Amino acid sequence: MDEATKKKVEETVLEILRGSDMDSVTEYKVRSAAADRLGIDLSAPDRKRFVRGVVEGYLTSLSSQEVEEEQPQQQGGAGEEAKGDEEEEEEEEEEEAEGGARKREYDDNGDLILCRLSSKRRVTLSEFKGRTLVSIREFYMKDGKELPTSKGISMTVEQWEAFRNAVPAIEDAIKKLDDSD
């Protein structure tokens, strides 16, 4: 995308976000609405990443504003507020140095990598035809890019929740098998 198009997309996405209910809006809905308003295709991986960056930036600014609004109520005078900010920044720097704050990682398709299970397997969060999917899949390298294999599974959020709820029973079954050895 050229810079003029990026600027239009960013302005449109921000306008849509400002008028949306943050409890029900999704990145897919925002991207689709922006594509409709602008009459351009935003489904390509690089365009998805761009829209995702704008959405995340907006959400980060919202959470920063909420924190700033709460701080004056929690702290006393202006001197104390400045001191609190400095201490907070130091704590954040320490967390980052210790690896506490993880930067989000995306693959070449713009899917969020939630977890790397091994060098070839990972868990990703993606959208396909308007549905959020949790995928556990093997990948291989080709021409310097990681590409998915057919070895894996993609689950809708509902299927993921059912699986997650079954984990304690699975763990119990594994423990019983281990105890019988």
C-alpha atoms as a PDB file:
ATOM      1  CA  MET A   1       0.000   0.000   0.000  1.00  0.00           C
ATOM      2  CA  ASP A   2       1.230   3.466  -0.767  1.00  0.00           C
ATOM      3  CA  GLU A   3       1.430   6.077   1.999  1.00  0.00           C
ATOM      4  CA  ALA A   4      -1.741   7.915   0.899  1.00  0.00           C
ATOM      5  CA  THR A   5      -3.747   4.678   1.008  1.00  0.00           C
ATOM      6  CA  LYS A   6      -2.280   3.769   4.403  1.00  0.00           C
ATOM      7  CA  LYS A   7      -3.324   7.170   5.745  1.00  0.00           C
ATOM      8  CA  LYS A   8      -6.895   6.739   4.410  1.00  0.00           C
ATOM      9  CA  VAL A   9      -7.143   3.225   5.828  1.00  0.00           C
ATOM     10  CA  GLU A  10      -5.824   4.339   9.217  1.00  0.00           C
ATOM     11  CA  GLU A  11      -8.250   7.286   9.407  1.00  0.00           C
ATOM     12  CA  THR A  12     -11.183   5.085   8.392  1.00  0.00           C
ATOM     13  CA  VAL A  13     -10.292   2.316  10.863  1.00  0.00           C
ATOM     14  CA  LEU A  14      -9.923   4.842  13.707  1.00  0.00           C
ATOM     15  CA  GLU A  15     -13.265   6.446  12.793  1.00  0.00           C
ATOM     16  CA  ILE A  16     -14.953   3.028  12.838  1.00  0.00           C
ATOM     17  CA  LEU A  17     -13.347   2.138  16.179  1.00  0.00           C
ATOM     18  CA  ARG A  18     -14.418   5.426  17.805  1.00  0.00           C
ATOM     19  CA  GLY A  19     -18.043   4.713  16.863  1.00  0.00           C
ATOM     20  CA  SER A  20     -17.996   1.042  17.859  1.00  0.00           C
ATOM     21  CA  ASP A  21     -18.963  -0.888  20.965  1.00  0.00           C
ATOM     22  CA  MET A  22     -15.611  -2.188  22.222  1.00  0.00           C
ATOM     23  CA  ASP A  23     -17.297  -5.191  23.848  1.00  0.00           C
ATOM     24  CA  SER A  24     -18.629  -6.589  20.568  1.00  0.00           C
ATOM     25  CA  VAL A  25     -16.426  -5.261  17.769  1.00  0.00           C
ATOM     26  CA  THR A  26     -13.809  -7.539  16.228  1.00  0.00           C
ATOM     27  CA  GLU A  27     -10.816  -6.804  14.051  1.00  0.00           C
ATOM     28  CA  TYR A  28     -12.557  -8.645  11.204  1.00  0.00           C
ATOM     29  CA  LYS A  29     -15.661  -6.443  11.480  1.00  0.00           C
ATOM     30  CA  VAL A  30     -13.532  -3.287  11.541  1.00  0.00           C
ATOM     31  CA  ARG A  31     -11.460  -4.428   8.564  1.00  0.00           C
ATOM     32  CA  SER A  32     -14.586  -5.407   6.584  1.00  0.00           C
ATOM     33  CA  ALA A  33     -16.301  -2.096   7.336  1.00  0.00           C
ATOM     34  CA  ALA A  34     -13.184  -0.157   6.316  1.00  0.00           C
ATOM     35  CA  ALA A  35     -12.891  -2.174   3.092  1.00  0.00           C
ATOM     36  CA  ASP A  36     -16.558  -1.447   2.281  1.00  0.00           C
ATOM     37  CA  ARG A  37     -16.224   2.280   3.010  1.00  0.00           C
ATOM     38  CA  LEU A  38     -13.032   2.655   1.005  1.00  0.00           C
ATOM     39  CA  GLY A  39     -13.905   0.203  -1.757  1.00  0.00           C
ATOM     40  CA  ILE A  40     -10.577  -1.627  -1.469  1.00  0.00           C
ATOM     41  CA  ASP A  41      -9.584  -5.177  -0.559  1.00  0.00           C
ATOM     42  CA  LEU A  42      -8.018  -5.361   2.907  1.00  0.00           C
ATOM     43  CA  SER A  43      -7.852  -9.157   3.125  1.00  0.00           C
ATOM     44  CA  ALA A  44      -4.259  -9.547   1.905  1.00  0.00           C
ATOM     45  CA  PRO A  45      -1.860 -10.556   4.731  1.00  0.00           C
ATOM     46  CA  ASP A  46       0.126  -7.295   4.634  1.00  0.00           C
ATOM     47  CA  ARG A  47      -3.083  -5.253   4.760  1.00  0.00           C
ATOM     48  CA  LYS A  48      -4.462  -7.399   7.597  1.00  0.00           C
ATOM     49  CA  ARG A  49      -1.248  -6.727   9.542  1.00  0.00           C
ATOM     50  CA  PHE A  50      -1.551  -3.004   8.886  1.00  0.00           C
ATOM     51  CA  VAL A  51      -5.178  -2.875  10.090  1.00  0.00           C
ATOM     52  CA  ARG A  52      -4.263  -5.046  13.110  1.00  0.00           C
ATOM     53  CA  GLY A  53      -1.501  -2.573  13.995  1.00  0.00           C
ATOM     54  CA  VAL A  54      -3.932   0.361  13.838  1.00  0.00           C
ATOM     55  CA  VAL A  55      -6.485  -1.510  15.978  1.00  0.00           C
ATOM     56  CA  GLU A  56      -3.859  -2.515  18.566  1.00  0.00           C
ATOM     57  CA  GLY A  57      -2.511   1.042  18.681  1.00  0.00           C
ATOM     58  CA  TYR A  58      -6.020   2.351  19.306  1.00  0.00           C
ATOM     59  CA  LEU A  59      -6.675  -0.210  22.051  1.00  0.00           C
ATOM     60  CA  THR A  60      -3.335   0.583  23.678  1.00  0.00           C
ATOM     61  CA  SER A  61      -4.158   4.296  23.687  1.00  0.00           C
ATOM     62  CA  LEU A  62      -7.561   3.539  25.228  1.00  0.00           C
ATOM     63  CA  SER A  63      -6.027   1.510  28.043  1.00  0.00           C
ATOM     64  CA  SER A  64      -3.393   4.228  28.615  1.00  0.00           C
ATOM     65  CA  GLN A  65      -6.142   6.847  28.923  1.00  0.00           C
ATOM     66  CA  GLU A  66      -8.003   4.699  31.451  1.00  0.00           C
ATOM     67  CA  VAL A  67      -4.859   4.309  33.557  1.00  0.00           C
ATOM     68  CA  GLU A  68      -4.184   8.070  33.420  1.00  0.00           C
ATOM     69  CA  GLU A  69      -7.772   8.820  34.485  1.00  0.00           C
ATOM     70  CA  GLU A  70      -7.481   6.468  37.474  1.00  0.00           C
ATOM     71  CA  GLN A  71      -4.069   7.696  38.707  1.00  0.00           C
ATOM     72  CA  PRO A  72      -5.064  11.176  39.956  1.00  0.00           C
ATOM     73  CA  GLN A  73      -7.745   9.570  42.118  1.00  0.00           C
ATOM     74  CA  GLN A  74      -5.280   7.098  43.590  1.00  0.00           C
ATOM     75  CA  GLN A  75      -2.397   9.497  44.219  1.00  0.00           C
ATOM     76  CA  GLY A  76      -2.048  12.719  46.169  1.00  0.00           C
ATOM     77  CA  GLY A  77      -0.325  15.862  44.839  1.00  0.00           C
ATOM     78  CA  ALA A  78       1.478  16.509  41.562  1.00  0.00           C
ATOM     79  CA  GLY A  79       4.892  15.738  43.059  1.00  0.00           C
ATOM     80  CA  GLU A  80       3.721  12.336  44.198  1.00  0.00           C
ATOM     81  CA  GLU A  81       2.183  11.685  40.767  1.00  0.00           C
ATOM     82  CA  ALA A  82       5.487  12.369  38.979  1.00  0.00           C
ATOM     83  CA  LYS A  83       7.323  10.132  41.434  1.00  0.00           C
ATOM     84  CA  GLY A  84       4.769   7.359  40.874  1.00  0.00           C
ATOM     85  CA  ASP A  85       5.229   7.578  37.103  1.00  0.00           C
ATOM     86  CA  GLU A  86       8.996   7.273  37.440  1.00  0.00           C
ATOM     87  CA  GLU A  87       8.668   4.227  39.692  1.00  0.00           C
ATOM     88  CA  GLU A  88       6.173   2.668  37.292  1.00  0.00           C
ATOM     89  CA  GLU A  89       8.517   3.178  34.328  1.00  0.00           C
ATOM     90  CA  GLU A  90      11.384   1.591  36.258  1.00  0.00           C
ATOM     91  CA  GLU A  91       9.212  -1.420  37.109  1.00  0.00           C
ATOM     92  CA  GLU A  92       8.196  -1.799  33.446  1.00  0.00           C
ATOM     93  CA  GLU A  93      11.833  -1.626  32.345  1.00  0.00           C
ATOM     94  CA  GLU A  94      12.748  -4.310  34.894  1.00  0.00           C
ATOM     95  CA  GLU A  95       9.900  -6.541  33.674  1.00  0.00           C
ATOM     96  CA  GLU A  96      11.035  -6.146  30.067  1.00  0.00           C
ATOM     97  CA  ALA A  97      14.627  -6.931  31.044  1.00  0.00           C
ATOM     98  CA  GLU A  98      13.421 -10.083  32.808  1.00  0.00           C
ATOM     99  CA  GLY A  99      11.288 -11.043  29.820  1.00  0.00           C
ATOM    100  CA  GLY A 100       8.011 -10.291  31.601  1.00  0.00           C
ATOM    101  CA  ALA A 101       6.529  -8.183  28.804  1.00  0.00           C
ATOM    102  CA  ARG A 102       6.224 -10.283  25.645  1.00  0.00           C
ATOM    103  CA  LYS A 103       5.863  -8.605  22.304  1.00  0.00           C
ATOM    104  CA  ARG A 104       3.184 -10.148  20.141  1.00  0.00           C
ATOM    105  CA  GLU A 105       4.519 -12.239  17.287  1.00  0.00           C
ATOM    106  CA  TYR A 106       2.763 -12.710  13.940  1.00  0.00           C
ATOM    107  CA  ASP A 107       3.503 -15.121  11.120  1.00  0.00           C
ATOM    108  CA  ASP A 108       3.774 -14.311   7.407  1.00  0.00           C
ATOM    109  CA  ASN A 109      -0.027 -14.567   7.028  1.00  0.00           C
ATOM    110  CA  GLY A 110      -0.665 -12.064   9.801  1.00  0.00           C
ATOM    111  CA  ASP A 111      -1.855 -14.737  12.255  1.00  0.00           C
ATOM    112  CA  LEU A 112      -1.019 -14.262  15.933  1.00  0.00           C
ATOM    113  CA  ILE A 113       1.451 -16.862  17.202  1.00  0.00           C
ATOM    114  CA  LEU A 114       0.277 -17.753  20.704  1.00  0.00           C
ATOM    115  CA  CYS A 115       2.794 -20.469  21.494  1.00  0.00           C
ATOM    116  CA  ARG A 116       5.669 -22.345  19.873  1.00  0.00           C
ATOM    117  CA  LEU A 117       5.384 -25.980  20.934  1.00  0.00           C
ATOM    118  CA  SER A 118       8.592 -26.949  19.118  1.00  0.00           C
ATOM    119  CA  SER A 119      10.692 -25.688  16.242  1.00  0.00           C
ATOM    120  CA  LYS A 120       8.088 -27.007  13.793  1.00  0.00           C
ATOM    121  CA  ARG A 121       4.820 -26.831  15.770  1.00  0.00           C
ATOM    122  CA  ARG A 122       2.912 -23.829  17.021  1.00  0.00           C
ATOM    123  CA  VAL A 123      -0.450 -22.555  18.194  1.00  0.00           C
ATOM    124  CA  THR A 124      -1.902 -19.620  16.251  1.00  0.00           C
ATOM    125  CA  LEU A 125      -5.001 -17.456  16.368  1.00  0.00           C
ATOM    126  CA  SER A 126      -6.444 -16.483  13.000  1.00  0.00           C
ATOM    127  CA  GLU A 127      -9.602 -15.430  11.223  1.00  0.00           C
ATOM    128  CA  PHE A 128     -11.109 -17.332   8.311  1.00  0.00           C
ATOM    129  CA  LYS A 129     -14.393 -16.361   6.658  1.00  0.00           C
ATOM    130  CA  GLY A 130     -15.248 -14.204   9.660  1.00  0.00           C
ATOM    131  CA  ARG A 131     -14.629 -16.943  12.242  1.00  0.00           C
ATOM    132  CA  THR A 132     -11.862 -16.925  14.824  1.00  0.00           C
ATOM    133  CA  LEU A 133      -9.802 -20.114  14.779  1.00  0.00           C
ATOM    134  CA  VAL A 134      -7.268 -21.600  17.190  1.00  0.00           C
ATOM    135  CA  SER A 135      -4.858 -23.761  15.204  1.00  0.00           C
ATOM    136  CA  ILE A 136      -2.265 -26.260  16.369  1.00  0.00           C
ATOM    137  CA  ARG A 137      -0.177 -27.102  13.333  1.00  0.00           C
ATOM    138  CA  GLU A 138       3.182 -28.226  11.964  1.00  0.00           C
ATOM    139  CA  PHE A 139       5.126 -25.878   9.691  1.00  0.00           C
ATOM    140  CA  TYR A 140       7.993 -26.315   7.256  1.00  0.00           C
ATOM    141  CA  MET A 141      10.516 -23.911   5.722  1.00  0.00           C
ATOM    142  CA  LYS A 142      10.464 -23.117   2.015  1.00  0.00           C
ATOM    143  CA  ASP A 143      12.306 -20.233   0.381  1.00  0.00           C
ATOM    144  CA  GLY A 144      12.902 -18.656   3.799  1.00  0.00           C
ATOM    145  CA  LYS A 145       9.222 -18.713   4.804  1.00  0.00           C
ATOM    146  CA  GLU A 146       7.430 -20.889   7.329  1.00  0.00           C
ATOM    147  CA  LEU A 147       4.478 -22.583   5.625  1.00  0.00           C
ATOM    148  CA  PRO A 148       1.716 -24.693   7.228  1.00  0.00           C
ATOM    149  CA  THR A 149       1.402 -28.416   6.577  1.00  0.00           C
ATOM    150  CA  SER A 150      -1.825 -30.403   6.584  1.00  0.00           C
ATOM    151  CA  LYS A 151      -0.692 -31.937   9.893  1.00  0.00           C
ATOM    152  CA  GLY A 152      -2.715 -30.130  12.506  1.00  0.00           C
ATOM    153  CA  ILE A 153      -6.119 -28.977  13.584  1.00  0.00           C
ATOM    154  CA  SER A 154      -8.050 -25.723  13.491  1.00  0.00           C
ATOM    155  CA  MET A 155     -10.813 -25.232  16.044  1.00  0.00           C
ATOM    156  CA  THR A 156     -13.513 -22.612  16.330  1.00  0.00           C
ATOM    157  CA  VAL A 157     -13.677 -20.743  19.633  1.00  0.00           C
ATOM    158  CA  GLU A 158     -16.554 -22.995  20.721  1.00  0.00           C
ATOM    159  CA  GLN A 159     -14.554 -26.131  19.916  1.00  0.00           C
ATOM    160  CA  TRP A 160     -11.514 -24.691  21.706  1.00  0.00           C
ATOM    161  CA  GLU A 161     -13.612 -24.002  24.817  1.00  0.00           C
ATOM    162  CA  ALA A 162     -14.958 -27.576  24.781  1.00  0.00           C
ATOM    163  CA  PHE A 163     -11.402 -28.902  24.473  1.00  0.00           C
ATOM    164  CA  ARG A 164     -10.147 -26.596  27.231  1.00  0.00           C
ATOM    165  CA  ASN A 165     -12.948 -27.784  29.528  1.00  0.00           C
ATOM    166  CA  ALA A 166     -11.979 -31.404  28.803  1.00  0.00           C
ATOM    167  CA  VAL A 167      -8.301 -30.879  29.736  1.00  0.00           C
ATOM    168  CA  PRO A 168      -8.709 -31.867  33.431  1.00  0.00           C
ATOM    169  CA  ALA A 169     -10.272 -35.204  32.396  1.00  0.00           C
ATOM    170  CA  ILE A 170      -7.488 -35.742  29.857  1.00  0.00           C
ATOM    171  CA  GLU A 171      -4.846 -34.992  32.510  1.00  0.00           C
ATOM    172  CA  ASP A 172      -6.513 -37.444  34.913  1.00  0.00           C
ATOM    173  CA  ALA A 173      -6.523 -40.159  32.230  1.00  0.00           C
ATOM    174  CA  ILE A 174      -2.826 -39.529  31.493  1.00  0.00           C
ATOM    175  CA  LYS A 175      -2.004 -39.698  35.203  1.00  0.00           C
ATOM    176  CA  LYS A 176      -3.875 -43.004  35.562  1.00  0.00           C
ATOM    177  CA  LEU A 177      -1.949 -44.440  32.591  1.00  0.00           C
ATOM    178  CA  ASP A 178       1.333 -43.250  34.093  1.00  0.00           C
ATOM    179  CA  ASP A 179       0.428 -44.720  37.517  1.00  0.00           C
ATOM    180  CA  SER A 180      -0.368 -48.120  36.000  1.00  0.00           C
ATOM    181  CA  ASP A 181       3.154 -48.404  34.494  1.00  0.00           C
END
